[in-house]
């Protein structure tokens, strides 16, 4: 069996493992693993309660990016309503 060469060295091929090509258009929906990485939150509970909109695409589950953005907007609004405000760092003073 013959193998086609990609023209890349072994080191270049190893460096490319796990690298996804850049997307010119943001995805409309992502798999749960990606949504979990984006939110760092209790993903399946959010899906169960309806805070995140998900659907089946064949055997795969997808979560809409719009629902992720809406969830984040609700979280930010709740934080600002609770009296939280964004922290602005003070410029570091020059040490003598």
PDB file of N, CA and C in Angstrom:
ATOM      1  N   UNK A   1       0.846  -1.164   0.000  1.00  0.00           N
ATOM      2  CA  UNK A   1       0.000   0.000   0.000  1.00  0.00           C
ATOM      3  C   UNK A   1       0.898   1.236   0.000  1.00  0.00           C
ATOM      4  N   UNK A   2       0.592   2.177  -0.836  1.00  0.00           N
ATOM      5  CA  UNK A   2       1.403   3.384  -0.920  1.00  0.00           C
ATOM      6  C   UNK A   2       0.816   4.481  -0.046  1.00  0.00           C
ATOM      7  N   UNK A   3       1.690   5.369   0.413  1.00  0.00           N
ATOM      8  CA  UNK A   3       1.256   6.491   1.224  1.00  0.00           C
ATOM      9  C   UNK A   3       1.574   7.770   0.474  1.00  0.00           C
ATOM     10  N   UNK A   4       0.636   8.681   0.494  1.00  0.00           N
ATOM     11  CA  UNK A   4       0.845   9.967  -0.155  1.00  0.00           C
ATOM     12  C   UNK A   4       1.557  10.901   0.803  1.00  0.00           C
ATOM     13  N   UNK A   5       2.485  11.646   0.280  1.00  0.00           N
ATOM     14  CA  UNK A   5       3.224  12.589   1.108  1.00  0.00           C
ATOM     15  C   UNK A   5       2.495  13.920   1.156  1.00  0.00           C
ATOM     16  N   UNK A   6       2.500  14.527   2.330  1.00  0.00           N
ATOM     17  CA  UNK A   6       1.903  15.855   2.476  1.00  0.00           C
ATOM     18  C   UNK A   6       2.937  16.936   2.269  1.00  0.00           C
ATOM     19  N   UNK A   7       4.198  16.521   2.171  1.00  0.00           N
ATOM     20  CA  UNK A   7       5.257  17.496   2.004  1.00  0.00           C
ATOM     21  C   UNK A   7       5.724  18.091   3.321  1.00  0.00           C
ATOM     22  N   UNK A   8       5.219  17.562   4.439  1.00  0.00           N
ATOM     23  CA  UNK A   8       5.593  18.074   5.754  1.00  0.00           C
ATOM     24  C   UNK A   8       6.546  17.095   6.422  1.00  0.00           C
ATOM     25  N   UNK A   9       7.460  17.619   7.217  1.00  0.00           N
ATOM     26  CA  UNK A   9       8.360  16.757   7.974  1.00  0.00           C
ATOM     27  C   UNK A   9       7.600  16.148   9.141  1.00  0.00           C
ATOM     28  N   UNK A  10       8.194  15.173   9.817  1.00  0.00           N
ATOM     29  CA  UNK A  10       7.553  14.559  10.979  1.00  0.00           C
ATOM     30  C   UNK A  10       7.248  15.580  12.058  1.00  0.00           C
ATOM     31  N   UNK A  11       8.212  16.472  12.303  1.00  0.00           N
ATOM     32  CA  UNK A  11       8.003  17.485  13.334  1.00  0.00           C
ATOM     33  C   UNK A  11       6.832  18.401  12.977  1.00  0.00           C
ATOM     34  N   UNK A  12       6.726  18.765  11.716  1.00  0.00           N
ATOM     35  CA  UNK A  12       5.621  19.633  11.283  1.00  0.00           C
ATOM     36  C   UNK A  12       4.288  18.904  11.411  1.00  0.00           C
ATOM     37  N   UNK A  13       4.272  17.612  11.076  1.00  0.00           N
ATOM     38  CA  UNK A  13       3.036  16.843  11.209  1.00  0.00           C
ATOM     39  C   UNK A  13       2.631  16.738  12.667  1.00  0.00           C
ATOM     40  N   UNK A  14       3.600  16.481  13.561  1.00  0.00           N
ATOM     41  CA  UNK A  14       3.291  16.388  14.984  1.00  0.00           C
ATOM     42  C   UNK A  14       2.794  17.712  15.530  1.00  0.00           C
ATOM     43  N   UNK A  15       3.354  18.804  15.046  1.00  0.00           N
ATOM     44  CA  UNK A  15       2.936  20.124  15.510  1.00  0.00           C
ATOM     45  C   UNK A  15       1.506  20.439  15.081  1.00  0.00           C
ATOM     46  N   UNK A  16       1.078  19.846  13.984  1.00  0.00           N
ATOM     47  CA  UNK A  16      -0.262  20.123  13.462  1.00  0.00           C
ATOM     48  C   UNK A  16      -1.341  19.272  14.100  1.00  0.00           C
ATOM     49  N   UNK A  17      -0.981  18.243  14.866  1.00  0.00           N
ATOM     50  CA  UNK A  17      -1.969  17.385  15.498  1.00  0.00           C
ATOM     51  C   UNK A  17      -2.810  18.219  16.443  1.00  0.00           C
ATOM     52  N   UNK A  18      -4.109  18.149  16.319  1.00  0.00           N
ATOM     53  CA  UNK A  18      -5.002  18.896  17.184  1.00  0.00           C
ATOM     54  C   UNK A  18      -5.239  20.324  16.739  1.00  0.00           C
ATOM     55  N   UNK A  19      -4.568  20.762  15.684  1.00  0.00           N
ATOM     56  CA  UNK A  19      -4.761  22.121  15.193  1.00  0.00           C
ATOM     57  C   UNK A  19      -5.906  22.099  14.191  1.00  0.00           C
ATOM     58  N   UNK A  20      -6.903  22.903  14.459  1.00  0.00           N
ATOM     59  CA  UNK A  20      -8.036  22.975  13.540  1.00  0.00           C
ATOM     60  C   UNK A  20      -7.826  24.128  12.585  1.00  0.00           C
ATOM     61  N   UNK A  21      -8.245  23.948  11.337  1.00  0.00           N
ATOM     62  CA  UNK A  21      -8.111  25.069  10.407  1.00  0.00           C
ATOM     63  C   UNK A  21      -8.976  26.231  10.861  1.00  0.00           C
ATOM     64  N   UNK A  22      -8.510  27.432  10.601  1.00  0.00           N
ATOM     65  CA  UNK A  22      -9.274  28.597  11.024  1.00  0.00           C
ATOM     66  C   UNK A  22     -10.560  28.688  10.214  1.00  0.00           C
ATOM     67  N   UNK A  23     -11.607  29.064  10.890  1.00  0.00           N
ATOM     68  CA  UNK A  23     -12.906  29.192  10.243  1.00  0.00           C
ATOM     69  C   UNK A  23     -13.142  30.652   9.910  1.00  0.00           C
ATOM     70  N   UNK A  24     -13.567  30.896   8.694  1.00  0.00           N
ATOM     71  CA  UNK A  24     -13.845  32.270   8.317  1.00  0.00           C
ATOM     72  C   UNK A  24     -15.209  32.704   8.837  1.00  0.00           C
ATOM     73  N   UNK A  25     -16.072  31.729   9.131  1.00  0.00           N
ATOM     74  CA  UNK A  25     -17.406  32.006   9.644  1.00  0.00           C
ATOM     75  C   UNK A  25     -17.559  31.267  10.966  1.00  0.00           C
ATOM     76  N   UNK A  26     -18.063  31.950  11.967  1.00  0.00           N
ATOM     77  CA  UNK A  26     -18.275  31.315  13.269  1.00  0.00           C
ATOM     78  C   UNK A  26     -19.343  30.233  13.137  1.00  0.00           C
ATOM     79  N   UNK A  27     -19.183  29.108  13.826  1.00  0.00           N
ATOM     80  CA  UNK A  27     -20.175  28.040  13.730  1.00  0.00           C
ATOM     81  C   UNK A  27     -21.489  28.461  14.376  1.00  0.00           C
ATOM     82  N   UNK A  28     -22.597  27.929  13.859  1.00  0.00           N
ATOM     83  CA  UNK A  28     -23.909  28.213  14.425  1.00  0.00           C
ATOM     84  C   UNK A  28     -24.197  27.322  15.621  1.00  0.00           C
ATOM     85  N   UNK A  29     -23.590  26.132  15.636  1.00  0.00           N
ATOM     86  CA  UNK A  29     -23.775  25.189  16.732  1.00  0.00           C
ATOM     87  C   UNK A  29     -22.481  24.425  16.947  1.00  0.00           C
ATOM     88  N   UNK A  30     -22.270  23.984  18.179  1.00  0.00           N
ATOM     89  CA  UNK A  30     -21.048  23.271  18.530  1.00  0.00           C
ATOM     90  C   UNK A  30     -21.412  22.005  19.303  1.00  0.00           C
ATOM     91  N   UNK A  31     -20.527  21.005  19.308  1.00  0.00           N
ATOM     92  CA  UNK A  31     -20.771  19.809  20.113  1.00  0.00           C
ATOM     93  C   UNK A  31     -20.654  20.132  21.606  1.00  0.00           C
ATOM     94  N   UNK A  32     -21.219  19.290  22.468  1.00  0.00           N
ATOM     95  CA  UNK A  32     -21.173  19.555  23.906  1.00  0.00           C
ATOM     96  C   UNK A  32     -19.763  19.749  24.458  1.00  0.00           C
ATOM     97  N   UNK A  33     -18.799  19.018  23.958  1.00  0.00           N
ATOM     98  CA  UNK A  33     -17.428  19.156  24.457  1.00  0.00           C
ATOM     99  C   UNK A  33     -16.903  20.577  24.222  1.00  0.00           C
ATOM    100  N   UNK A  34     -17.173  21.123  23.052  1.00  0.00           N
ATOM    101  CA  UNK A  34     -16.731  22.491  22.744  1.00  0.00           C
ATOM    102  C   UNK A  34     -17.500  23.502  23.588  1.00  0.00           C
ATOM    103  N   UNK A  35     -18.813  23.294  23.756  1.00  0.00           N
ATOM    104  CA  UNK A  35     -19.619  24.202  24.577  1.00  0.00           C
ATOM    105  C   UNK A  35     -19.137  24.183  26.014  1.00  0.00           C
ATOM    106  N   UNK A  36     -18.787  23.012  26.509  1.00  0.00           N
ATOM    107  CA  UNK A  36     -18.273  22.895  27.867  1.00  0.00           C
ATOM    108  C   UNK A  36     -16.950  23.642  28.013  1.00  0.00           C
ATOM    109  N   UNK A  37     -16.107  23.553  26.995  1.00  0.00           N
ATOM    110  CA  UNK A  37     -14.837  24.279  27.024  1.00  0.00           C
ATOM    111  C   UNK A  37     -15.084  25.787  27.026  1.00  0.00           C
ATOM    112  N   UNK A  38     -16.072  26.232  26.270  1.00  0.00           N
ATOM    113  CA  UNK A  38     -16.368  27.661  26.190  1.00  0.00           C
ATOM    114  C   UNK A  38     -16.965  28.193  27.497  1.00  0.00           C
ATOM    115  N   UNK A  39     -17.820  27.407  28.112  1.00  0.00           N
ATOM    116  CA  UNK A  39     -18.544  27.876  29.289  1.00  0.00           C
ATOM    117  C   UNK A  39     -17.868  27.547  30.610  1.00  0.00           C
ATOM    118  N   UNK A  40     -17.105  26.475  30.652  1.00  0.00           N
ATOM    119  CA  UNK A  40     -16.530  25.990  31.912  1.00  0.00           C
ATOM    120  C   UNK A  40     -17.620  25.910  32.969  1.00  0.00           C
ATOM    121  N   UNK A  41     -18.705  25.269  32.621  1.00  0.00           N
ATOM    122  CA  UNK A  41     -19.871  25.268  33.484  1.00  0.00           C
ATOM    123  C   UNK A  41     -20.521  23.890  33.491  1.00  0.00           C
ATOM    124  N   UNK A  42     -21.582  23.783  34.208  1.00  0.00           N
ATOM    125  CA  UNK A  42     -22.358  22.550  34.309  1.00  0.00           C
ATOM    126  C   UNK A  42     -23.255  22.415  33.082  1.00  0.00           C
ATOM    127  N   UNK A  43     -22.685  21.954  32.015  1.00  0.00           N
ATOM    128  CA  UNK A  43     -23.300  21.961  30.691  1.00  0.00           C
ATOM    129  C   UNK A  43     -24.606  21.184  30.632  1.00  0.00           C
ATOM    130  N   UNK A  44     -24.598  19.939  31.070  1.00  0.00           N
ATOM    131  CA  UNK A  44     -25.788  19.105  30.919  1.00  0.00           C
ATOM    132  C   UNK A  44     -26.943  19.585  31.786  1.00  0.00           C
ATOM    133  N   UNK A  45     -26.645  20.179  32.929  1.00  0.00           N
ATOM    134  CA  UNK A  45     -27.702  20.763  33.744  1.00  0.00           C
ATOM    135  C   UNK A  45     -28.328  21.954  33.017  1.00  0.00           C
ATOM    136  N   UNK A  46     -27.495  22.772  32.373  1.00  0.00           N
ATOM    137  CA  UNK A  46     -28.013  23.920  31.611  1.00  0.00           C
ATOM    138  C   UNK A  46     -28.863  23.453  30.433  1.00  0.00           C
ATOM    139  N   UNK A  47     -28.474  22.353  29.805  1.00  0.00           N
ATOM    140  CA  UNK A  47     -29.271  21.812  28.706  1.00  0.00           C
ATOM    141  C   UNK A  47     -30.594  21.263  29.230  1.00  0.00           C
ATOM    142  N   UNK A  48     -30.541  20.565  30.370  1.00  0.00           N
ATOM    143  CA  UNK A  48     -31.740  19.954  30.945  1.00  0.00           C
ATOM    144  C   UNK A  48     -32.759  21.015  31.363  1.00  0.00           C
ATOM    145  N   UNK A  49     -32.276  22.133  31.920  1.00  0.00           N
ATOM    146  CA  UNK A  49     -33.192  23.186  32.380  1.00  0.00           C
ATOM    147  C   UNK A  49     -33.660  24.101  31.250  1.00  0.00           C
ATOM    148  N   UNK A  50     -33.090  23.930  30.060  1.00  0.00           N
ATOM    149  CA  UNK A  50     -33.515  24.728  28.917  1.00  0.00           C
ATOM    150  C   UNK A  50     -32.768  26.034  28.769  1.00  0.00           C
ATOM    151  N   UNK A  51     -31.751  26.266  29.601  1.00  0.00           N
ATOM    152  CA  UNK A  51     -30.973  27.502  29.471  1.00  0.00           C
ATOM    153  C   UNK A  51     -30.099  27.484  28.225  1.00  0.00           C
ATOM    154  N   UNK A  52     -29.717  26.294  27.790  1.00  0.00           N
ATOM    155  CA  UNK A  52     -28.988  26.135  26.529  1.00  0.00           C
ATOM    156  C   UNK A  52     -29.857  25.339  25.574  1.00  0.00           C
ATOM    157  N   UNK A  53     -29.961  25.811  24.345  1.00  0.00           N
ATOM    158  CA  UNK A  53     -30.759  25.137  23.329  1.00  0.00           C
ATOM    159  C   UNK A  53     -29.874  24.127  22.614  1.00  0.00           C
ATOM    160  N   UNK A  54     -30.334  22.871  22.601  1.00  0.00           N
ATOM    161  CA  UNK A  54     -29.577  21.839  21.908  1.00  0.00           C
ATOM    162  C   UNK A  54     -30.515  21.044  21.012  1.00  0.00           C
ATOM    163  N   UNK A  55     -29.934  20.348  20.062  1.00  0.00           N
ATOM    164  CA  UNK A  55     -30.715  19.519  19.145  1.00  0.00           C
ATOM    165  C   UNK A  55     -29.871  18.334  18.710  1.00  0.00           C
ATOM    166  N   UNK A  56     -30.536  17.333  18.163  1.00  0.00           N
ATOM    167  CA  UNK A  56     -29.855  16.148  17.668  1.00  0.00           C
ATOM    168  C   UNK A  56     -29.586  16.327  16.180  1.00  0.00           C
ATOM    169  N   UNK A  57     -28.390  15.990  15.773  1.00  0.00           N
ATOM    170  CA  UNK A  57     -28.001  15.993  14.358  1.00  0.00           C
ATOM    171  C   UNK A  57     -27.498  14.590  14.071  1.00  0.00           C
ATOM    172  N   UNK A  58     -28.412  13.714  13.683  1.00  0.00           N
ATOM    173  CA  UNK A  58     -28.063  12.306  13.556  1.00  0.00           C
ATOM    174  C   UNK A  58     -27.856  11.744  14.955  1.00  0.00           C
ATOM    175  N   UNK A  59     -26.679  11.182  15.204  1.00  0.00           N
ATOM    176  CA  UNK A  59     -26.369  10.657  16.532  1.00  0.00           C
ATOM    177  C   UNK A  59     -25.674  11.693  17.406  1.00  0.00           C
ATOM    178  N   UNK A  60     -25.333  12.818  16.836  1.00  0.00           N
ATOM    179  CA  UNK A  60     -24.587  13.845  17.573  1.00  0.00           C
ATOM    180  C   UNK A  60     -25.527  14.894  18.150  1.00  0.00           C
ATOM    181  N   UNK A  61     -25.154  15.441  19.280  1.00  0.00           N
ATOM    182  CA  UNK A  61     -25.890  16.536  19.894  1.00  0.00           C
ATOM    183  C   UNK A  61     -25.143  17.820  19.594  1.00  0.00           C
ATOM    184  N   UNK A  62     -25.871  18.893  19.301  1.00  0.00           N
ATOM    185  CA  UNK A  62     -25.278  20.197  19.028  1.00  0.00           C
ATOM    186  C   UNK A  62     -25.961  21.233  19.897  1.00  0.00           C
ATOM    187  N   UNK A  63     -25.182  22.215  20.320  1.00  0.00           N
ATOM    188  CA  UNK A  63     -25.691  23.316  21.140  1.00  0.00           C
ATOM    189  C   UNK A  63     -25.511  24.590  20.340  1.00  0.00           C
ATOM    190  N   UNK A  64     -26.565  25.381  20.242  1.00  0.00           N
ATOM    191  CA  UNK A  64     -26.491  26.578  19.411  1.00  0.00           C
ATOM    192  C   UNK A  64     -25.612  27.638  20.074  1.00  0.00           C
ATOM    193  N   UNK A  65     -24.827  28.314  19.265  1.00  0.00           N
ATOM    194  CA  UNK A  65     -23.969  29.388  19.770  1.00  0.00           C
ATOM    195  C   UNK A  65     -24.825  30.544  20.275  1.00  0.00           C
ATOM    196  N   UNK A  66     -25.989  30.754  19.648  1.00  0.00           N
ATOM    197  CA  UNK A  66     -26.875  31.831  20.101  1.00  0.00           C
ATOM    198  C   UNK A  66     -27.288  31.608  21.547  1.00  0.00           C
ATOM    199  N   UNK A  67     -27.594  30.350  21.920  1.00  0.00           N
ATOM    200  CA  UNK A  67     -27.999  30.087  23.302  1.00  0.00           C
ATOM    201  C   UNK A  67     -26.817  30.253  24.257  1.00  0.00           C
ATOM    202  N   UNK A  68     -25.603  29.957  23.799  1.00  0.00           N
ATOM    203  CA  UNK A  68     -24.414  30.175  24.628  1.00  0.00           C
ATOM    204  C   UNK A  68     -24.223  31.666  24.880  1.00  0.00           C
ATOM    205  N   UNK A  69     -24.377  32.471  23.817  1.00  0.00           N
ATOM    206  CA  UNK A  69     -24.249  33.931  23.969  1.00  0.00           C
ATOM    207  C   UNK A  69     -25.341  34.488  24.879  1.00  0.00           C
ATOM    208  N   UNK A  70     -26.577  33.976  24.731  1.00  0.00           N
ATOM    209  CA  UNK A  70     -27.682  34.440  25.579  1.00  0.00           C
ATOM    210  C   UNK A  70     -27.434  34.066  27.040  1.00  0.00           C
ATOM    211  N   UNK A  71     -26.913  32.864  27.266  1.00  0.00           N
ATOM    212  CA  UNK A  71     -26.597  32.431  28.638  1.00  0.00           C
ATOM    213  C   UNK A  71     -25.565  33.367  29.253  1.00  0.00           C
ATOM    214  N   UNK A  72     -24.534  33.693  28.484  1.00  0.00           N
ATOM    215  CA  UNK A  72     -23.500  34.591  28.996  1.00  0.00           C
ATOM    216  C   UNK A  72     -24.071  35.979  29.282  1.00  0.00           C
ATOM    217  N   UNK A  73     -24.956  36.465  28.425  1.00  0.00           N
ATOM    218  CA  UNK A  73     -25.583  37.773  28.641  1.00  0.00           C
ATOM    219  C   UNK A  73     -26.405  37.763  29.925  1.00  0.00           C
ATOM    220  N   UNK A  74     -27.144  36.657  30.170  1.00  0.00           N
ATOM    221  CA  UNK A  74     -27.920  36.555  31.408  1.00  0.00           C
ATOM    222  C   UNK A  74     -27.005  36.533  32.629  1.00  0.00           C
ATOM    223  N   UNK A  75     -25.893  35.822  32.533  1.00  0.00           N
ATOM    224  CA  UNK A  75     -24.941  35.754  33.636  1.00  0.00           C
ATOM    225  C   UNK A  75     -24.368  37.143  33.935  1.00  0.00           C
ATOM    226  N   UNK A  76     -24.000  37.877  32.890  1.00  0.00           N
ATOM    227  CA  UNK A  76     -23.447  39.222  33.075  1.00  0.00           C
ATOM    228  C   UNK A  76     -24.486  40.173  33.672  1.00  0.00           C
ATOM    229  N   UNK A  77     -25.739  40.058  33.195  1.00  0.00           N
ATOM    230  CA  UNK A  77     -26.804  40.911  33.723  1.00  0.00           C
ATOM    231  C   UNK A  77     -27.057  40.597  35.196  1.00  0.00           C
ATOM    232  N   UNK A  78     -27.039  39.323  35.565  1.00  0.00           N
ATOM    233  CA  UNK A  78     -27.261  38.933  36.953  1.00  0.00           C
ATOM    234  C   UNK A  78     -26.128  39.444  37.837  1.00  0.00           C
ATOM    235  N   UNK A  79     -24.906  39.382  37.348  1.00  0.00           N
ATOM    236  CA  UNK A  79     -23.776  39.882  38.124  1.00  0.00           C
ATOM    237  C   UNK A  79     -23.869  41.391  38.336  1.00  0.00           C
ATOM    238  N   UNK A  80     -24.268  42.125  37.293  1.00  0.00           N
ATOM    239  CA  UNK A  80     -24.361  43.579  37.450  1.00  0.00           C
ATOM    240  C   UNK A  80     -25.527  43.952  38.356  1.00  0.00           C
ATOM    241  N   UNK A  81     -26.596  43.146  38.356  1.00  0.00           N
ATOM    242  CA  UNK A  81     -27.738  43.413  39.232  1.00  0.00           C
ATOM    243  C   UNK A  81     -27.384  43.146  40.693  1.00  0.00           C
ATOM    244  N   UNK A  82     -26.444  42.237  40.927  1.00  0.00           N
ATOM    245  CA  UNK A  82     -26.025  41.905  42.285  1.00  0.00           C
ATOM    246  C   UNK A  82     -25.018  42.896  42.842  1.00  0.00           C
ATOM    247  N   UNK A  83     -24.687  43.910  42.084  1.00  0.00           N
ATOM    248  CA  UNK A  83     -23.755  44.908  42.565  1.00  0.00           C
ATOM    249  C   UNK A  83     -22.318  44.668  42.156  1.00  0.00           C
ATOM    250  N   UNK A  84     -22.087  43.640  41.384  1.00  0.00           N
ATOM    251  CA  UNK A  84     -20.728  43.400  40.908  1.00  0.00           C
ATOM    252  C   UNK A  84     -20.407  44.379  39.809  1.00  0.00           C
ATOM    253  N   UNK A  85     -19.173  44.783  39.757  1.00  0.00           N
ATOM    254  CA  UNK A  85     -18.749  45.653  38.671  1.00  0.00           C
ATOM    255  C   UNK A  85     -17.417  45.148  38.146  1.00  0.00           C
ATOM    256  N   UNK A  86     -17.126  45.516  36.949  1.00  0.00           N
ATOM    257  CA  UNK A  86     -15.882  45.076  36.333  1.00  0.00           C
ATOM    258  C   UNK A  86     -14.694  45.715  37.041  1.00  0.00           C
ATOM    259  N   UNK A  87     -13.695  44.919  37.274  1.00  0.00           N
ATOM    260  CA  UNK A  87     -12.484  45.418  37.934  1.00  0.00           C
ATOM    261  C   UNK A  87     -11.577  46.033  36.900  1.00  0.00           C
ATOM    262  N   UNK A  88     -11.183  47.278  37.166  1.00  0.00           N
ATOM    263  CA  UNK A  88     -10.230  47.914  36.264  1.00  0.00           C
ATOM    264  C   UNK A  88      -8.889  47.974  36.967  1.00  0.00           C
ATOM    265  N   UNK A  89      -7.886  47.379  36.395  1.00  0.00           N
ATOM    266  CA  UNK A  89      -6.579  47.363  37.050  1.00  0.00           C
ATOM    267  C   UNK A  89      -5.976  48.752  37.103  1.00  0.00           C
ATOM    268  N   UNK A  90      -5.285  49.007  38.192  1.00  0.00           N
ATOM    269  CA  UNK A  90      -4.580  50.271  38.344  1.00  0.00           C
ATOM    270  C   UNK A  90      -3.236  50.152  37.623  1.00  0.00           C
ATOM    271  N   UNK A  91      -2.821  51.191  36.971  1.00  0.00           N
ATOM    272  CA  UNK A  91      -1.499  51.113  36.327  1.00  0.00           C
ATOM    273  C   UNK A  91      -0.431  50.900  37.386  1.00  0.00           C
ATOM    274  N   UNK A  92       0.507  50.058  37.084  1.00  0.00           N
ATOM    275  CA  UNK A  92       1.550  49.782  38.077  1.00  0.00           C
ATOM    276  C   UNK A  92       2.405  51.023  38.262  1.00  0.00           C
ATOM    277  N   UNK A  93       2.705  51.316  39.506  1.00  0.00           N
ATOM    278  CA  UNK A  93       3.529  52.486  39.819  1.00  0.00           C
ATOM    279  C   UNK A  93       4.990  52.093  39.651  1.00  0.00           C
ATOM    280  N   UNK A  94       5.756  53.011  39.131  1.00  0.00           N
ATOM    281  CA  UNK A  94       7.183  52.746  38.946  1.00  0.00           C
ATOM    282  C   UNK A  94       7.848  52.629  40.305  1.00  0.00           C
ATOM    283  N   UNK A  95       8.595  51.576  40.474  1.00  0.00           N
ATOM    284  CA  UNK A  95       9.299  51.381  41.745  1.00  0.00           C
ATOM    285  C   UNK A  95      10.602  52.147  41.736  1.00  0.00           C
ATOM    286  N   UNK A  96      10.919  52.674  42.893  1.00  0.00           N
ATOM    287  CA  UNK A  96      12.159  53.461  43.004  1.00  0.00           C
ATOM    288  C   UNK A  96      13.303  52.598  43.405  1.00  0.00           C
TER     289      UNK A  96
END
